Every structure is written in C-alpha cells, then in structure tokens.
Protein backbone atom coordinates (compact mmCIF):
# COMPACT_ATOMS: atom_id res chain seq x y z
CA MET A 1 -14.07 15.16 68.49
CA LYS A 2 -13.51 11.55 68.54
CA HIS A 3 -9.66 11.09 68.75
CA HIS A 4 -9.45 7.46 68.50
CA VAL A 5 -11.51 7.49 65.26
CA THR A 6 -9.50 10.16 63.60
CA LEU A 7 -6.34 7.94 64.82
CA THR A 8 -7.93 4.77 62.97
CA VAL A 9 -8.39 6.89 60.16
CA SER A 10 -5.66 8.43 59.98
CA SER A 11 -3.65 4.75 60.36
CA LEU A 12 -5.89 3.36 57.80
CA LEU A 13 -4.22 6.03 55.68
CA SER A 14 -1.00 5.48 56.03
CA ILE A 15 -1.20 1.60 55.97
CA LEU A 16 -3.22 2.21 52.62
CA LEU A 17 -0.48 4.40 51.35
CA PHE A 18 2.61 2.25 52.46
CA SER A 19 0.88 -0.12 50.55
CA LEU A 20 0.69 1.65 47.40
CA HIS A 21 4.36 2.69 48.20
CA TRP A 22 5.28 -1.05 48.25
CA ALA A 23 3.67 -1.90 45.46
CA HIS A 24 4.98 0.50 42.90
CA GLU A 25 8.29 -0.13 43.93
CA VAL A 26 7.98 -4.05 43.61
CA ALA A 27 6.51 -3.04 40.22
CA ARG A 28 9.36 -0.85 39.01
CA GLY A 29 11.93 -2.91 40.01
CA LEU A 30 13.20 -0.82 43.12
CA GLU A 31 12.32 -4.03 46.15
CA PRO A 32 12.50 -7.36 44.93
CA GLY A 33 8.93 -9.36 44.81
CA THR A 34 10.30 -12.41 46.25
CA VAL A 35 8.89 -14.31 49.33
CA ALA A 36 12.00 -13.41 51.41
CA ALA A 37 10.61 -9.83 50.83
CA SER A 38 7.30 -10.38 52.30
CA GLY A 39 8.14 -9.33 56.31
CA GLY A 40 6.11 -6.26 54.55
CA LEU A 41 3.62 -8.62 54.98
CA LEU A 42 3.61 -9.41 58.76
CA ILE A 43 4.32 -5.56 59.33
CA LEU A 44 1.01 -4.50 57.34
CA ALA A 45 -1.21 -7.73 59.35
CA VAL A 46 0.09 -6.54 62.66
CA TRP A 47 -0.38 -2.41 61.83
CA LEU A 48 -3.72 -3.65 60.80
CA CYS A 49 -5.07 -5.83 63.64
CA GLY A 50 -3.29 -2.99 65.98
CA THR A 51 -5.75 -0.23 64.00
CA LEU A 52 -8.90 -2.09 63.63
CA VAL A 53 -8.61 -4.52 66.53
CA PHE A 54 -6.72 -3.16 69.55
CA THR A 55 -6.58 0.20 69.06
CA GLU A 56 -8.91 0.85 72.50
CA SER A 57 -5.83 -1.04 73.93
CA ARG A 58 -2.34 0.32 75.03
CA TRP A 59 -0.66 -2.80 73.57
CA GLY A 60 -2.95 -1.01 69.89
CA LEU A 61 -1.78 2.30 70.91
CA VAL A 62 1.89 1.20 70.55
CA VAL A 63 1.43 -1.24 68.06
CA VAL A 64 -0.01 1.88 66.04
CA LEU A 65 2.68 4.79 67.12
CA LEU A 66 5.44 2.37 65.90
CA GLY A 67 3.72 2.08 62.22
CA ALA A 68 2.88 5.52 62.05
CA ILE A 69 6.97 6.37 63.09
CA LEU A 70 7.80 3.88 60.54
CA ALA A 71 5.40 5.36 57.75
CA SER A 72 7.21 8.79 59.13
CA GLY A 73 10.51 7.74 58.03
CA VAL A 74 9.77 6.46 54.95
CA PRO A 75 10.13 9.42 53.03
CA VAL A 76 13.25 10.57 54.53
CA LEU A 77 14.73 7.18 53.90
CA HIS A 78 13.87 8.10 50.63
CA MET A 79 15.09 11.51 50.51
CA GLN A 80 18.87 10.06 51.74
CA GLY A 81 21.25 10.51 48.93
CA ALA A 82 19.97 11.36 45.34
CA GLY A 83 16.65 12.58 46.53
CA LEU A 84 13.21 12.01 45.98
CA VAL A 85 13.42 12.52 42.11
CA GLY A 86 17.39 11.28 41.72
CA GLY A 87 18.56 7.86 41.20
CA ARG A 88 16.83 4.64 40.26
CA ILE A 89 13.15 6.12 40.16
CA ALA A 90 14.53 9.23 38.12
CA ASN A 91 15.51 6.38 35.44
CA GLY A 92 12.98 5.01 32.98
CA ALA A 93 9.90 6.46 34.97
CA GLY A 94 7.63 8.81 33.41
CA THR A 95 6.32 12.50 34.58
CA ALA A 96 2.97 11.10 36.32
CA GLU A 97 4.41 7.67 37.01
CA ARG A 98 7.70 10.07 39.62
CA PHE A 99 4.85 11.94 40.51
CA PHE A 100 2.33 9.58 41.97
CA TRP A 101 5.43 8.15 43.51
CA VAL A 102 6.63 11.10 44.94
CA TRP A 103 3.25 12.08 46.29
CA THR A 104 2.95 8.78 47.98
CA ASN A 105 5.97 9.42 49.87
CA ILE A 106 4.97 12.93 50.98
CA ALA A 107 1.26 12.13 51.77
CA LEU A 108 2.71 8.79 53.80
CA GLY A 109 4.95 10.74 55.94
CA ALA A 110 2.24 13.54 56.57
CA SER A 111 -0.33 11.06 57.52
CA GLY A 112 2.33 9.05 59.55
CA MET A 113 3.93 12.26 61.32
CA LEU A 114 -0.65 12.81 62.23
CA SER A 115 -0.57 9.61 63.74
CA VAL A 116 2.04 9.86 66.07
CA VAL A 117 0.70 13.07 67.62
CA LEU A 118 -2.67 11.32 67.30
CA SER A 119 -1.24 7.58 69.30
CA VAL A 120 0.97 9.61 71.73
CA ARG A 121 -1.77 11.60 72.73
CA ALA A 122 -3.91 8.21 73.32
CA LEU A 123 -0.89 6.92 74.82
CA TRP A 124 -0.30 9.65 77.53
CA LYS A 125 -4.31 9.66 78.10
CA THR A 126 -4.59 6.16 78.91
CA TRP A 127 -1.13 6.58 81.17
CA ARG A 128 -2.70 9.32 82.57
CA ASN A 129 -6.38 8.05 83.62
CA ARG A 130 -4.24 5.02 85.00
C-alpha cells in the first residue's frame, strides 16, 4: 500500500472539509467574513503546499501533521459548551443545514485523525531511515 498517496488523499479531504466548514460558518454569520479573518486562507495555502508540493520531505510531513492536528481539534472545539447543535447553530438553521454542519465537523475530525496517524508513521519512517 502506498502510504504517501493515502496521506495525500486524507489530507486533501481534510482541507476540503475544513474549507466547507469555514465557508458554512461565514455564510451563517458564525465567523466574520472580513479581511481580519482571512488568516484561514494562509493556513489553507500552507497546508496545501505541505500536502501537494512538499509531502515527500520532512518539512512537508510536519506541515501536514500540524494541519491534521488542527483538523482533529475542530469538532472538539465545537463540542465545548452548548455542543454541536446547541448555541448559535441551533437558532435559525434548518434541519438539513444543521446536519451538514455537524457532518462536516465529524468527517473533518475523522479525516484529521487519519492524517495524524499517517503523517506520524511517515515521519517515523523518515527518522528511522536516517
């Protein structure tokens, strides 16, 4: 099995889910859609570079690992306090919209955890072979 291919696919899936989640939060007014909040674009750009350009290098694997840790933490952060469907998301959102938001949280956490495991494994291999 080609673990670098699996890592690339899982990381790209996490990036896609993260961007969908972020877009949904901006569209619902949960996050500001201002220039000040555009730091997420920098995060996505660096994460994409680590995944697509530098995935064979140790630096790229570290970037992918950091992105995967952040992706794994998104659902945990949203489960704080009122939980996934409590608080602001519960007010005014339709059932399908709430479902999509919760599903992206869960899928983002799962794909992020898979990417953590695969990137740690790849980093371990590069360190061991050195």
